[in-house]
Amino acid sequence: MKKVLSAFILALAILTNSTPAHADNVGNWTKLDVKVPIYKVNDDLNLRFRMVPELAFTDDAGGLKQTVFRAGPSLKAAKWFTLTVNGVSSTTLAKQDLRPELQTEFYVKFANLSNLRLSDRNRGSYRTLDTAIHDRWQYANEYKASIDIPDSKFNTFFSHELFLDFQYEKLTQHRLTGGFGRYLSDDWMMEAGYLYRTSLHTPEWVKDHMLFLAFSNK
């Protein structure tokens, strides 16, 4: 399994360093999800401070294209539900927007399929851009499925996220991600794979093929 994962990551790295003959962009997306304990009642009920920096490098930007930083209190209210209130700073090239964000996450695990986990993440935010006329509400929804590989520290995962812009009343972005994860310890997980993103930049959709790398703790 380690050889398969290494070959998969190597192939994606070669892809992101190549120059495509078409209009699609290539690059890499790196994410770190850190949860710092504040107050713990038990394993199912605790309050944490959550920080999530994300960096996107693409060939069309010649380097760093987008940075996203989320931070705020996160309440794990049950095994199946987490509520987070974020302050978000997002910069794409020279354009920055700041926004408050409410995030809910639901988790499902089946008794007869203990290796399978499903999650549903919902984000509602109000984006404040360079001029007030462009401020708008946005909603993002991500479904994710992950399966632990028996007798190993690895899993495989797949997710789909869509973005709805209420000003334009249309979908403005899709993200498809798939790959492998590895449990680095009882508390830390690494995920690596392929991220395909389509973003609406009127009147066209821009496509990104990216190597995805993420680290997160419980």
N, C-alpha and C. Protein backbone atom coordinates (compact mmCIF):
# COMPACT_ATOMS: atom_id res chain seq x y z
N MET A 1 0.82 -1.20 0.00
CA MET A 1 0.00 0.00 0.00
C MET A 1 0.86 1.26 0.00
N LYS A 2 1.98 1.23 0.73
CA LYS A 2 2.85 2.40 0.75
C LYS A 2 3.41 2.69 -0.64
N LYS A 3 3.74 1.62 -1.40
CA LYS A 3 4.27 1.81 -2.74
C LYS A 3 3.21 2.40 -3.66
N VAL A 4 1.97 1.96 -3.50
CA VAL A 4 0.88 2.49 -4.31
C VAL A 4 0.67 3.96 -4.03
N LEU A 5 0.65 4.34 -2.73
CA LEU A 5 0.47 5.73 -2.35
C LEU A 5 1.60 6.59 -2.87
N SER A 6 2.85 6.12 -2.74
CA SER A 6 4.00 6.88 -3.20
C SER A 6 3.95 7.11 -4.71
N ALA A 7 3.56 6.06 -5.46
CA ALA A 7 3.47 6.19 -6.92
C ALA A 7 2.37 7.16 -7.31
N PHE A 8 1.26 7.14 -6.56
CA PHE A 8 0.14 8.02 -6.84
C PHE A 8 0.54 9.48 -6.63
N ILE A 9 1.21 9.76 -5.51
CA ILE A 9 1.64 11.12 -5.21
C ILE A 9 2.68 11.59 -6.22
N LEU A 10 3.62 10.70 -6.61
CA LEU A 10 4.64 11.06 -7.58
C LEU A 10 4.01 11.42 -8.92
N ALA A 11 3.01 10.66 -9.34
CA ALA A 11 2.36 10.94 -10.62
C ALA A 11 1.67 12.29 -10.60
N LEU A 12 1.04 12.62 -9.49
CA LEU A 12 0.38 13.92 -9.38
C LEU A 12 1.38 15.05 -9.33
N ALA A 13 2.53 14.82 -8.67
CA ALA A 13 3.56 15.85 -8.61
C ALA A 13 4.11 16.15 -9.99
N ILE A 14 4.29 15.11 -10.81
CA ILE A 14 4.75 15.30 -12.19
C ILE A 14 3.72 16.10 -12.98
N LEU A 15 2.45 15.78 -12.77
CA LEU A 15 1.38 16.49 -13.45
C LEU A 15 1.39 17.97 -13.12
N THR A 16 1.55 18.30 -11.83
CA THR A 16 1.48 19.70 -11.42
C THR A 16 2.70 20.48 -11.86
N ASN A 17 3.80 19.83 -12.21
CA ASN A 17 4.99 20.53 -12.65
C ASN A 17 5.13 20.56 -14.17
N SER A 18 4.15 20.02 -14.88
CA SER A 18 4.18 20.02 -16.32
C SER A 18 3.44 21.22 -16.87
N THR A 19 3.71 21.56 -18.12
CA THR A 19 3.02 22.67 -18.77
C THR A 19 1.99 22.11 -19.72
N PRO A 20 0.71 22.30 -19.46
CA PRO A 20 -0.31 21.68 -20.28
C PRO A 20 -0.43 22.34 -21.64
N ALA A 21 -0.86 21.56 -22.63
CA ALA A 21 -1.02 22.09 -23.98
C ALA A 21 -2.41 22.70 -24.17
N HIS A 22 -3.22 22.67 -23.11
CA HIS A 22 -4.57 23.22 -23.19
C HIS A 22 -4.71 24.35 -22.19
N ALA A 23 -5.92 24.89 -22.07
CA ALA A 23 -6.12 26.09 -21.27
C ALA A 23 -6.25 25.80 -19.78
N ASP A 24 -6.35 24.54 -19.38
CA ASP A 24 -6.51 24.22 -17.97
C ASP A 24 -5.23 24.55 -17.21
N ASN A 25 -5.40 24.87 -15.92
CA ASN A 25 -4.27 25.20 -15.06
C ASN A 25 -3.90 23.99 -14.21
N VAL A 26 -2.64 23.92 -13.80
CA VAL A 26 -2.20 22.88 -12.87
C VAL A 26 -1.52 23.54 -11.69
N GLY A 27 -1.48 22.83 -10.56
CA GLY A 27 -0.86 23.40 -9.38
C GLY A 27 -1.00 22.49 -8.19
N ASN A 28 -0.96 23.05 -7.00
CA ASN A 28 -1.14 22.25 -5.79
C ASN A 28 -1.88 23.06 -4.74
N TRP A 29 -2.61 22.33 -3.90
CA TRP A 29 -3.44 22.92 -2.84
C TRP A 29 -3.01 22.28 -1.52
N THR A 30 -2.58 23.10 -0.58
CA THR A 30 -2.12 22.60 0.72
C THR A 30 -3.00 23.18 1.82
N LYS A 31 -3.38 22.31 2.77
CA LYS A 31 -4.32 22.71 3.81
C LYS A 31 -3.87 22.14 5.16
N LEU A 32 -4.02 22.93 6.22
CA LEU A 32 -3.72 22.50 7.58
C LEU A 32 -4.91 22.84 8.46
N ASP A 33 -5.47 21.83 9.13
CA ASP A 33 -6.65 22.00 9.99
C ASP A 33 -6.24 21.67 11.43
N VAL A 34 -6.09 22.72 12.25
CA VAL A 34 -5.60 22.55 13.62
C VAL A 34 -6.70 22.93 14.61
N LYS A 35 -6.94 22.05 15.57
CA LYS A 35 -7.95 22.29 16.59
C LYS A 35 -7.27 22.31 17.96
N VAL A 36 -7.34 23.45 18.63
CA VAL A 36 -6.70 23.62 19.94
C VAL A 36 -7.76 23.50 21.03
N PRO A 37 -7.63 22.56 21.98
CA PRO A 37 -8.64 22.37 23.02
C PRO A 37 -8.77 23.61 23.91
N ILE A 38 -10.01 23.98 24.23
CA ILE A 38 -10.30 25.06 25.17
C ILE A 38 -10.97 24.51 26.42
N TYR A 39 -12.04 23.75 26.22
CA TYR A 39 -12.76 23.16 27.36
C TYR A 39 -13.37 21.84 26.93
N LYS A 40 -13.12 20.80 27.71
CA LYS A 40 -13.61 19.47 27.36
C LYS A 40 -14.49 18.91 28.46
N VAL A 41 -15.71 18.52 28.09
CA VAL A 41 -16.61 17.86 29.02
C VAL A 41 -16.40 16.35 28.92
N ASN A 42 -16.41 15.83 27.67
CA ASN A 42 -16.12 14.42 27.40
C ASN A 42 -15.73 14.32 25.92
N ASP A 43 -15.57 13.11 25.42
CA ASP A 43 -15.14 12.93 24.02
C ASP A 43 -16.18 13.43 23.03
N ASP A 44 -17.44 13.50 23.46
CA ASP A 44 -18.50 13.93 22.55
C ASP A 44 -18.88 15.40 22.70
N LEU A 45 -18.41 16.06 23.73
CA LEU A 45 -18.77 17.46 23.97
C LEU A 45 -17.53 18.24 24.39
N ASN A 46 -17.04 19.10 23.51
CA ASN A 46 -15.89 19.91 23.85
C ASN A 46 -15.83 21.15 22.98
N LEU A 47 -15.15 22.16 23.49
CA LEU A 47 -14.98 23.43 22.78
C LEU A 47 -13.52 23.59 22.40
N ARG A 48 -13.28 23.95 21.14
CA ARG A 48 -11.92 24.11 20.64
C ARG A 48 -11.80 25.40 19.84
N PHE A 49 -10.57 25.86 19.65
CA PHE A 49 -10.30 26.96 18.73
C PHE A 49 -9.69 26.35 17.48
N ARG A 50 -10.30 26.64 16.34
CA ARG A 50 -9.92 25.98 15.10
C ARG A 50 -9.27 26.97 14.14
N MET A 51 -8.12 26.59 13.57
CA MET A 51 -7.41 27.41 12.59
C MET A 51 -7.15 26.59 11.34
N VAL A 52 -7.50 27.15 10.17
CA VAL A 52 -7.35 26.41 8.92
C VAL A 52 -6.73 27.32 7.85
N PRO A 53 -5.39 27.32 7.73
CA PRO A 53 -4.77 28.03 6.60
C PRO A 53 -4.73 27.13 5.37
N GLU A 54 -4.95 27.72 4.18
CA GLU A 54 -4.91 26.99 2.91
C GLU A 54 -4.15 27.83 1.88
N LEU A 55 -3.33 27.15 1.07
CA LEU A 55 -2.53 27.82 0.04
C LEU A 55 -2.73 27.11 -1.28
N ALA A 56 -2.93 27.87 -2.35
CA ALA A 56 -3.08 27.31 -3.70
C ALA A 56 -2.04 27.93 -4.62
N PHE A 57 -1.22 27.09 -5.25
CA PHE A 57 -0.23 27.52 -6.22
C PHE A 57 -0.65 26.99 -7.59
N THR A 58 -0.67 27.84 -8.61
CA THR A 58 -1.04 27.40 -9.96
C THR A 58 -0.10 28.01 -10.99
N ASP A 59 0.00 27.33 -12.13
CA ASP A 59 0.93 27.79 -13.16
C ASP A 59 0.46 29.07 -13.83
N ASP A 60 -0.85 29.32 -13.90
CA ASP A 60 -1.32 30.54 -14.54
C ASP A 60 -0.98 31.78 -13.72
N ALA A 61 -0.80 31.60 -12.39
CA ALA A 61 -0.42 32.71 -11.53
C ALA A 61 1.10 32.82 -11.39
N GLY A 62 1.81 31.80 -11.87
CA GLY A 62 3.26 31.82 -11.73
C GLY A 62 3.72 31.61 -10.30
N GLY A 63 2.88 31.01 -9.48
CA GLY A 63 3.22 30.79 -8.08
C GLY A 63 1.96 30.82 -7.23
N LEU A 64 2.02 31.53 -6.10
CA LEU A 64 0.89 31.59 -5.17
C LEU A 64 -0.28 32.34 -5.79
N LYS A 65 -1.42 31.66 -5.90
CA LYS A 65 -2.61 32.28 -6.50
C LYS A 65 -3.65 32.65 -5.45
N GLN A 66 -3.81 31.79 -4.44
CA GLN A 66 -4.89 32.01 -3.49
C GLN A 66 -4.45 31.60 -2.09
N THR A 67 -4.82 32.41 -1.11
CA THR A 67 -4.63 32.05 0.29
C THR A 67 -5.98 32.20 1.00
N VAL A 68 -6.26 31.25 1.88
CA VAL A 68 -7.48 31.30 2.68
C VAL A 68 -7.10 31.00 4.12
N PHE A 69 -7.58 31.82 5.04
CA PHE A 69 -7.31 31.58 6.46
C PHE A 69 -8.61 31.68 7.23
N ARG A 70 -8.96 30.58 7.90
CA ARG A 70 -10.15 30.53 8.74
C ARG A 70 -9.73 30.36 10.19
N ALA A 71 -10.45 31.01 11.09
CA ALA A 71 -10.16 30.84 12.52
C ALA A 71 -11.41 31.19 13.32
N GLY A 72 -11.64 30.41 14.39
CA GLY A 72 -12.77 30.71 15.24
C GLY A 72 -13.09 29.57 16.19
N PRO A 73 -14.02 29.78 17.12
CA PRO A 73 -14.41 28.74 18.08
C PRO A 73 -15.20 27.64 17.40
N SER A 74 -14.94 26.40 17.82
CA SER A 74 -15.60 25.24 17.24
C SER A 74 -16.14 24.36 18.36
N LEU A 75 -17.45 24.14 18.35
CA LEU A 75 -18.11 23.34 19.38
C LEU A 75 -18.45 21.97 18.82
N LYS A 76 -17.84 20.92 19.37
CA LYS A 76 -18.23 19.56 19.05
C LYS A 76 -19.34 19.20 20.03
N ALA A 77 -20.58 19.21 19.52
CA ALA A 77 -21.73 19.04 20.39
C ALA A 77 -22.14 17.59 20.56
N ALA A 78 -21.73 16.73 19.62
CA ALA A 78 -22.05 15.30 19.67
C ALA A 78 -21.12 14.57 18.71
N LYS A 79 -21.15 13.25 18.74
CA LYS A 79 -20.33 12.48 17.81
C LYS A 79 -20.65 12.83 16.36
N TRP A 80 -21.90 13.24 16.13
CA TRP A 80 -22.37 13.43 14.76
C TRP A 80 -22.50 14.89 14.34
N PHE A 81 -22.13 15.85 15.23
CA PHE A 81 -22.37 17.26 14.88
C PHE A 81 -21.30 18.19 15.47
N THR A 82 -20.80 19.11 14.63
CA THR A 82 -19.87 20.16 15.05
C THR A 82 -20.32 21.50 14.48
N LEU A 83 -20.26 22.54 15.32
CA LEU A 83 -20.62 23.90 14.89
C LEU A 83 -19.41 24.81 15.06
N THR A 84 -19.05 25.53 14.00
CA THR A 84 -17.89 26.40 14.02
C THR A 84 -18.28 27.79 13.52
N VAL A 85 -17.79 28.84 14.20
CA VAL A 85 -17.99 30.22 13.76
C VAL A 85 -16.62 30.76 13.35
N ASN A 86 -16.48 31.09 12.07
CA ASN A 86 -15.19 31.51 11.54
C ASN A 86 -15.15 32.99 11.16
N GLY A 87 -13.96 33.55 11.29
CA GLY A 87 -13.61 34.76 10.58
C GLY A 87 -12.71 34.32 9.44
N VAL A 88 -13.00 34.76 8.21
CA VAL A 88 -12.30 34.26 7.03
C VAL A 88 -11.63 35.41 6.29
N SER A 89 -10.38 35.20 5.94
CA SER A 89 -9.65 36.10 5.04
C SER A 89 -9.25 35.30 3.82
N SER A 90 -9.70 35.74 2.63
CA SER A 90 -9.40 35.04 1.39
C SER A 90 -8.81 36.04 0.39
N THR A 91 -7.65 35.68 -0.17
CA THR A 91 -6.99 36.53 -1.15
C THR A 91 -6.71 35.73 -2.41
N THR A 92 -7.20 36.22 -3.54
CA THR A 92 -6.93 35.62 -4.84
C THR A 92 -6.19 36.65 -5.68
N LEU A 93 -4.91 36.35 -5.99
CA LEU A 93 -4.02 37.32 -6.62
C LEU A 93 -4.02 38.58 -5.77
N ALA A 94 -4.46 39.72 -6.28
CA ALA A 94 -4.39 40.96 -5.49
C ALA A 94 -5.72 41.31 -4.84
N LYS A 95 -6.74 40.45 -5.02
CA LYS A 95 -8.07 40.76 -4.50
C LYS A 95 -8.33 39.99 -3.20
N GLN A 96 -8.75 40.74 -2.18
CA GLN A 96 -9.01 40.14 -0.88
C GLN A 96 -10.46 40.34 -0.49
N ASP A 97 -11.02 39.34 0.18
CA ASP A 97 -12.33 39.53 0.80
C ASP A 97 -12.28 38.98 2.21
N LEU A 98 -13.01 39.64 3.09
CA LEU A 98 -13.14 39.25 4.49
C LEU A 98 -14.59 38.90 4.74
N ARG A 99 -14.82 37.84 5.52
CA ARG A 99 -16.21 37.45 5.72
C ARG A 99 -16.40 36.68 7.03
N PRO A 100 -17.55 36.89 7.67
CA PRO A 100 -17.94 35.99 8.76
C PRO A 100 -18.55 34.74 8.15
N GLU A 101 -18.42 33.62 8.86
CA GLU A 101 -18.87 32.35 8.30
C GLU A 101 -19.40 31.44 9.40
N LEU A 102 -20.52 30.83 9.13
CA LEU A 102 -21.09 29.83 10.04
C LEU A 102 -20.96 28.47 9.37
N GLN A 103 -20.36 27.52 10.07
CA GLN A 103 -20.07 26.20 9.50
C GLN A 103 -20.66 25.10 10.37
N THR A 104 -21.44 24.23 9.75
CA THR A 104 -21.96 23.05 10.44
C THR A 104 -21.43 21.81 9.75
N GLU A 105 -21.15 20.77 10.54
CA GLU A 105 -20.65 19.50 10.01
C GLU A 105 -21.42 18.35 10.65
N PHE A 106 -21.92 17.46 9.82
CA PHE A 106 -22.65 16.28 10.27
C PHE A 106 -21.85 15.04 9.87
N TYR A 107 -21.81 14.05 10.76
CA TYR A 107 -21.04 12.83 10.52
C TYR A 107 -21.94 11.61 10.68
N VAL A 108 -21.75 10.63 9.80
CA VAL A 108 -22.51 9.39 9.85
C VAL A 108 -21.53 8.22 9.79
N LYS A 109 -21.71 7.26 10.70
CA LYS A 109 -20.92 6.03 10.68
C LYS A 109 -21.88 4.87 10.88
N PHE A 110 -21.76 3.84 10.03
CA PHE A 110 -22.70 2.72 10.05
C PHE A 110 -22.16 1.57 10.88
N ALA A 111 -23.04 0.99 11.71
CA ALA A 111 -22.64 -0.09 12.60
C ALA A 111 -22.16 -1.31 11.82
N ASN A 112 -22.82 -1.61 10.71
CA ASN A 112 -22.45 -2.80 9.94
C ASN A 112 -21.39 -2.50 8.86
N LEU A 113 -21.01 -1.22 8.74
CA LEU A 113 -19.96 -0.81 7.81
C LEU A 113 -19.01 0.12 8.56
N SER A 114 -18.33 -0.43 9.54
CA SER A 114 -17.54 0.39 10.47
C SER A 114 -16.38 1.11 9.79
N ASN A 115 -15.96 0.64 8.61
CA ASN A 115 -14.84 1.28 7.92
C ASN A 115 -15.28 2.51 7.11
N LEU A 116 -16.58 2.67 6.92
CA LEU A 116 -17.11 3.75 6.09
C LEU A 116 -17.57 4.92 6.96
N ARG A 117 -17.14 6.13 6.58
CA ARG A 117 -17.58 7.35 7.25
C ARG A 117 -18.05 8.35 6.21
N LEU A 118 -19.19 9.00 6.51
CA LEU A 118 -19.73 10.04 5.64
C LEU A 118 -19.81 11.34 6.42
N SER A 119 -19.57 12.45 5.73
CA SER A 119 -19.70 13.75 6.38
C SER A 119 -20.36 14.74 5.43
N ASP A 120 -21.06 15.71 6.00
CA ASP A 120 -21.75 16.75 5.25
C ASP A 120 -21.40 18.08 5.90
N ARG A 121 -20.63 18.91 5.17
CA ARG A 121 -20.19 20.21 5.71
C ARG A 121 -20.91 21.33 4.97
N ASN A 122 -21.46 22.26 5.76
CA ASN A 122 -22.21 23.39 5.21
C ASN A 122 -21.59 24.70 5.71
N ARG A 123 -21.35 25.61 4.77
CA ARG A 123 -20.79 26.91 5.12
C ARG A 123 -21.65 28.03 4.54
N GLY A 124 -22.10 28.91 5.42
CA GLY A 124 -22.81 30.10 4.98
C GLY A 124 -22.00 31.32 5.35
N SER A 125 -21.78 32.24 4.40
CA SER A 125 -20.93 33.39 4.68
C SER A 125 -21.42 34.62 3.94
N TYR A 126 -20.96 35.78 4.43
CA TYR A 126 -21.26 37.06 3.77
C TYR A 126 -19.94 37.67 3.35
N ARG A 127 -19.71 37.73 2.05
CA ARG A 127 -18.43 38.18 1.51
C ARG A 127 -18.42 39.70 1.35
N THR A 128 -17.41 40.35 1.90
CA THR A 128 -17.22 41.79 1.73
C THR A 128 -16.01 41.99 0.83
N LEU A 129 -16.25 42.55 -0.37
CA LEU A 129 -15.20 42.68 -1.36
C LEU A 129 -14.70 44.12 -1.44
N ASP A 130 -14.03 44.46 -2.53
CA ASP A 130 -13.42 45.79 -2.65
C ASP A 130 -14.45 46.91 -2.61
N THR A 131 -15.59 46.71 -3.24
CA THR A 131 -16.65 47.71 -3.24
C THR A 131 -17.92 47.07 -2.70
N ALA A 132 -18.72 47.86 -1.96
CA ALA A 132 -19.89 47.31 -1.29
C ALA A 132 -20.90 46.72 -2.26
N ILE A 133 -20.91 47.22 -3.50
CA ILE A 133 -21.89 46.73 -4.47
C ILE A 133 -21.66 45.25 -4.81
N HIS A 134 -20.43 44.78 -4.58
CA HIS A 134 -20.11 43.39 -4.89
C HIS A 134 -20.23 42.46 -3.67
N ASP A 135 -20.60 43.01 -2.51
CA ASP A 135 -20.80 42.16 -1.34
C ASP A 135 -21.96 41.20 -1.61
N ARG A 136 -21.82 39.96 -1.10
CA ARG A 136 -22.88 39.00 -1.37
C ARG A 136 -22.85 37.85 -0.37
N TRP A 137 -23.98 37.14 -0.29
CA TRP A 137 -24.08 35.92 0.49
C TRP A 137 -23.61 34.74 -0.35
N GLN A 138 -22.95 33.79 0.32
CA GLN A 138 -22.46 32.60 -0.37
C GLN A 138 -22.71 31.36 0.50
N TYR A 139 -23.01 30.25 -0.16
CA TYR A 139 -23.21 28.98 0.53
C TYR A 139 -22.35 27.92 -0.13
N ALA A 140 -21.69 27.10 0.67
CA ALA A 140 -20.87 26.00 0.16
C ALA A 140 -21.24 24.73 0.88
N ASN A 141 -21.35 23.64 0.13
CA ASN A 141 -21.72 22.35 0.70
C ASN A 141 -20.77 21.28 0.20
N GLU A 142 -20.20 20.52 1.13
CA GLU A 142 -19.28 19.44 0.78
C GLU A 142 -19.76 18.12 1.36
N TYR A 143 -19.87 17.11 0.49
CA TYR A 143 -20.10 15.73 0.91
C TYR A 143 -18.78 14.97 0.78
N LYS A 144 -18.48 14.17 1.79
CA LYS A 144 -17.23 13.42 1.78
C LYS A 144 -17.46 12.00 2.29
N ALA A 145 -16.84 11.04 1.62
CA ALA A 145 -16.88 9.65 2.05
C ALA A 145 -15.45 9.15 2.20
N SER A 146 -15.18 8.45 3.28
CA SER A 146 -13.85 7.86 3.48
C SER A 146 -14.01 6.43 3.98
N ILE A 147 -13.10 5.58 3.53
CA ILE A 147 -13.15 4.16 3.88
C ILE A 147 -11.78 3.74 4.40
N ASP A 148 -11.74 3.24 5.63
CA ASP A 148 -10.50 2.71 6.18
C ASP A 148 -10.14 1.40 5.49
N ILE A 149 -8.87 1.26 5.12
CA ILE A 149 -8.39 0.03 4.48
C ILE A 149 -8.02 -0.95 5.59
N PRO A 150 -8.62 -2.14 5.60
CA PRO A 150 -8.40 -3.10 6.70
C PRO A 150 -6.92 -3.44 6.90
N ASP A 151 -6.56 -3.61 8.17
CA ASP A 151 -5.22 -4.03 8.56
C ASP A 151 -4.14 -3.07 8.07
N SER A 152 -4.44 -1.78 8.08
CA SER A 152 -3.44 -0.78 7.67
C SER A 152 -3.78 0.55 8.35
N LYS A 153 -2.89 1.51 8.21
CA LYS A 153 -3.13 2.86 8.71
C LYS A 153 -3.64 3.79 7.62
N PHE A 154 -4.07 3.22 6.50
CA PHE A 154 -4.49 4.02 5.35
C PHE A 154 -6.00 4.02 5.18
N ASN A 155 -6.48 5.04 4.49
CA ASN A 155 -7.86 5.05 4.03
C ASN A 155 -7.90 5.67 2.64
N THR A 156 -9.04 5.58 1.99
CA THR A 156 -9.26 6.24 0.72
C THR A 156 -10.48 7.14 0.87
N PHE A 157 -10.48 8.26 0.16
CA PHE A 157 -11.56 9.22 0.34
C PHE A 157 -11.96 9.85 -0.98
N PHE A 158 -13.18 10.40 -0.99
CA PHE A 158 -13.70 11.13 -2.14
C PHE A 158 -14.63 12.21 -1.62
N SER A 159 -14.58 13.41 -2.22
CA SER A 159 -15.47 14.49 -1.80
C SER A 159 -15.89 15.34 -2.99
N HIS A 160 -17.04 15.98 -2.83
CA HIS A 160 -17.53 16.94 -3.82
C HIS A 160 -18.06 18.16 -3.07
N GLU A 161 -17.61 19.35 -3.49
CA GLU A 161 -18.07 20.59 -2.87
C GLU A 161 -18.57 21.54 -3.95
N LEU A 162 -19.70 22.17 -3.70
CA LEU A 162 -20.25 23.16 -4.62
C LEU A 162 -20.45 24.49 -3.90
N PHE A 163 -20.38 25.58 -4.67
CA PHE A 163 -20.51 26.93 -4.14
C PHE A 163 -21.67 27.62 -4.84
N LEU A 164 -22.56 28.22 -4.05
CA LEU A 164 -23.71 28.92 -4.58
C LEU A 164 -23.60 30.40 -4.20
N ASP A 165 -23.61 31.27 -5.22
CA ASP A 165 -23.54 32.72 -5.03
C ASP A 165 -24.96 33.27 -5.13
N PHE A 166 -25.44 33.89 -4.05
CA PHE A 166 -26.83 34.36 -4.03
C PHE A 166 -27.01 35.65 -4.82
N GLN A 167 -25.93 36.40 -5.06
CA GLN A 167 -26.06 37.61 -5.87
C GLN A 167 -26.33 37.24 -7.33
N TYR A 168 -25.56 36.27 -7.84
CA TYR A 168 -25.75 35.84 -9.22
C TYR A 168 -26.80 34.75 -9.35
N GLU A 169 -27.23 34.20 -8.21
CA GLU A 169 -28.23 33.13 -8.17
C GLU A 169 -27.82 31.96 -9.05
N LYS A 170 -26.57 31.53 -8.90
CA LYS A 170 -26.08 30.41 -9.67
C LYS A 170 -24.89 29.77 -8.96
N LEU A 171 -24.56 28.55 -9.36
CA LEU A 171 -23.37 27.88 -8.86
C LEU A 171 -22.15 28.53 -9.49
N THR A 172 -21.14 28.79 -8.67
CA THR A 172 -19.95 29.47 -9.18
C THR A 172 -18.68 28.63 -9.06
N GLN A 173 -18.76 27.47 -8.38
CA GLN A 173 -17.55 26.66 -8.24
C GLN A 173 -17.92 25.23 -7.85
N HIS A 174 -17.13 24.29 -8.38
CA HIS A 174 -17.21 22.88 -7.98
C HIS A 174 -15.80 22.41 -7.63
N ARG A 175 -15.71 21.55 -6.63
CA ARG A 175 -14.43 20.92 -6.29
C ARG A 175 -14.65 19.42 -6.10
N LEU A 176 -13.91 18.64 -6.87
CA LEU A 176 -13.90 17.18 -6.71
C LEU A 176 -12.52 16.78 -6.21
N THR A 177 -12.48 16.01 -5.13
CA THR A 177 -11.21 15.60 -4.54
C THR A 177 -11.25 14.11 -4.24
N GLY A 178 -10.16 13.41 -4.54
CA GLY A 178 -10.06 11.99 -4.23
C GLY A 178 -8.62 11.60 -3.99
N GLY A 179 -8.42 10.59 -3.15
CA GLY A 179 -7.05 10.15 -2.89
C GLY A 179 -6.97 9.20 -1.73
N PHE A 180 -5.82 9.23 -1.05
CA PHE A 180 -5.56 8.35 0.07
C PHE A 180 -5.19 9.16 1.31
N GLY A 181 -5.50 8.60 2.46
CA GLY A 181 -5.11 9.20 3.73
C GLY A 181 -4.31 8.22 4.55
N ARG A 182 -3.53 8.76 5.48
CA ARG A 182 -2.76 7.90 6.39
C ARG A 182 -2.85 8.47 7.80
N TYR A 183 -3.11 7.60 8.76
CA TYR A 183 -3.12 8.00 10.16
C TYR A 183 -1.68 8.10 10.63
N LEU A 184 -1.24 9.33 10.91
CA LEU A 184 0.13 9.54 11.38
C LEU A 184 0.26 9.20 12.86
N SER A 185 -0.83 9.35 13.61
CA SER A 185 -0.89 9.01 15.03
C SER A 185 -2.35 8.86 15.39
N ASP A 186 -2.64 8.71 16.68
CA ASP A 186 -4.03 8.61 17.11
C ASP A 186 -4.78 9.92 16.88
N ASP A 187 -4.05 11.03 16.77
CA ASP A 187 -4.68 12.35 16.67
C ASP A 187 -4.51 13.03 15.31
N TRP A 188 -3.56 12.57 14.49
CA TRP A 188 -3.25 13.29 13.25
C TRP A 188 -3.47 12.43 12.02
N MET A 189 -3.97 13.06 10.97
CA MET A 189 -4.24 12.41 9.70
C MET A 189 -3.61 13.23 8.57
N MET A 190 -3.01 12.53 7.60
CA MET A 190 -2.52 13.17 6.37
C MET A 190 -3.34 12.64 5.20
N GLU A 191 -3.75 13.53 4.29
CA GLU A 191 -4.48 13.14 3.09
C GLU A 191 -3.76 13.71 1.87
N ALA A 192 -3.63 12.91 0.83
CA ALA A 192 -3.00 13.35 -0.41
C ALA A 192 -3.78 12.79 -1.58
N GLY A 193 -3.92 13.60 -2.63
CA GLY A 193 -4.66 13.12 -3.78
C GLY A 193 -4.79 14.18 -4.85
N TYR A 194 -5.86 14.09 -5.61
CA TYR A 194 -6.11 14.94 -6.77
C TYR A 194 -7.34 15.80 -6.53
N LEU A 195 -7.22 17.10 -6.82
CA LEU A 195 -8.32 18.05 -6.68
C LEU A 195 -8.59 18.66 -8.05
N TYR A 196 -9.83 18.53 -8.51
CA TYR A 196 -10.26 19.15 -9.77
C TYR A 196 -11.24 20.25 -9.43
N ARG A 197 -10.90 21.49 -9.81
CA ARG A 197 -11.75 22.63 -9.47
C ARG A 197 -12.18 23.36 -10.73
N THR A 198 -13.47 23.67 -10.83
CA THR A 198 -13.99 24.52 -11.89
C THR A 198 -14.57 25.77 -11.24
N SER A 199 -14.15 26.94 -11.71
CA SER A 199 -14.60 28.21 -11.14
C SER A 199 -15.16 29.09 -12.25
N LEU A 200 -16.30 29.73 -11.98
CA LEU A 200 -16.94 30.59 -12.96
C LEU A 200 -16.33 31.98 -12.92
N HIS A 201 -15.64 32.34 -13.99
CA HIS A 201 -15.15 33.69 -14.19
C HIS A 201 -15.83 34.18 -15.47
N THR A 202 -16.95 34.86 -15.28
CA THR A 202 -17.85 35.21 -16.38
C THR A 202 -17.08 35.72 -17.60
N PRO A 203 -17.36 35.18 -18.80
CA PRO A 203 -18.43 34.22 -19.10
C PRO A 203 -17.95 32.77 -19.14
N GLU A 204 -16.70 32.49 -18.71
CA GLU A 204 -16.14 31.17 -18.88
C GLU A 204 -15.89 30.49 -17.53
N TRP A 205 -15.76 29.16 -17.59
CA TRP A 205 -15.36 28.38 -16.44
C TRP A 205 -13.86 28.11 -16.53
N VAL A 206 -13.14 28.39 -15.44
CA VAL A 206 -11.70 28.12 -15.36
C VAL A 206 -11.49 26.79 -14.65
N LYS A 207 -10.62 25.93 -15.19
CA LYS A 207 -10.42 24.59 -14.64
C LYS A 207 -9.02 24.47 -14.06
N ASP A 208 -8.93 23.91 -12.86
CA ASP A 208 -7.65 23.69 -12.18
C ASP A 208 -7.50 22.21 -11.87
N HIS A 209 -6.33 21.65 -12.19
CA HIS A 209 -5.96 20.28 -11.82
C HIS A 209 -4.85 20.40 -10.78
N MET A 210 -5.11 19.91 -9.56
CA MET A 210 -4.20 20.22 -8.46
C MET A 210 -3.84 18.99 -7.63
N LEU A 211 -2.61 18.96 -7.17
CA LEU A 211 -2.20 18.01 -6.16
C LEU A 211 -2.71 18.51 -4.81
N PHE A 212 -3.44 17.66 -4.11
CA PHE A 212 -4.06 18.04 -2.83
C PHE A 212 -3.28 17.40 -1.68
N LEU A 213 -2.92 18.21 -0.68
CA LEU A 213 -2.23 17.71 0.49
C LEU A 213 -2.79 18.39 1.73
N ALA A 214 -3.22 17.59 2.71
CA ALA A 214 -3.87 18.16 3.91
C ALA A 214 -3.42 17.41 5.15
N PHE A 215 -3.28 18.16 6.24
CA PHE A 215 -2.98 17.59 7.54
C PHE A 215 -4.05 18.09 8.52
N SER A 216 -4.56 17.20 9.36
CA SER A 216 -5.61 17.59 10.31
C SER A 216 -5.49 16.78 11.58
N ASN A 217 -5.96 17.37 12.69
CA ASN A 217 -6.01 16.62 13.94
C ASN A 217 -7.45 16.52 14.41
N LYS A 218 -7.71 15.62 15.33
CA LYS A 218 -9.07 15.40 15.81
C LYS A 218 -9.58 16.61 16.57
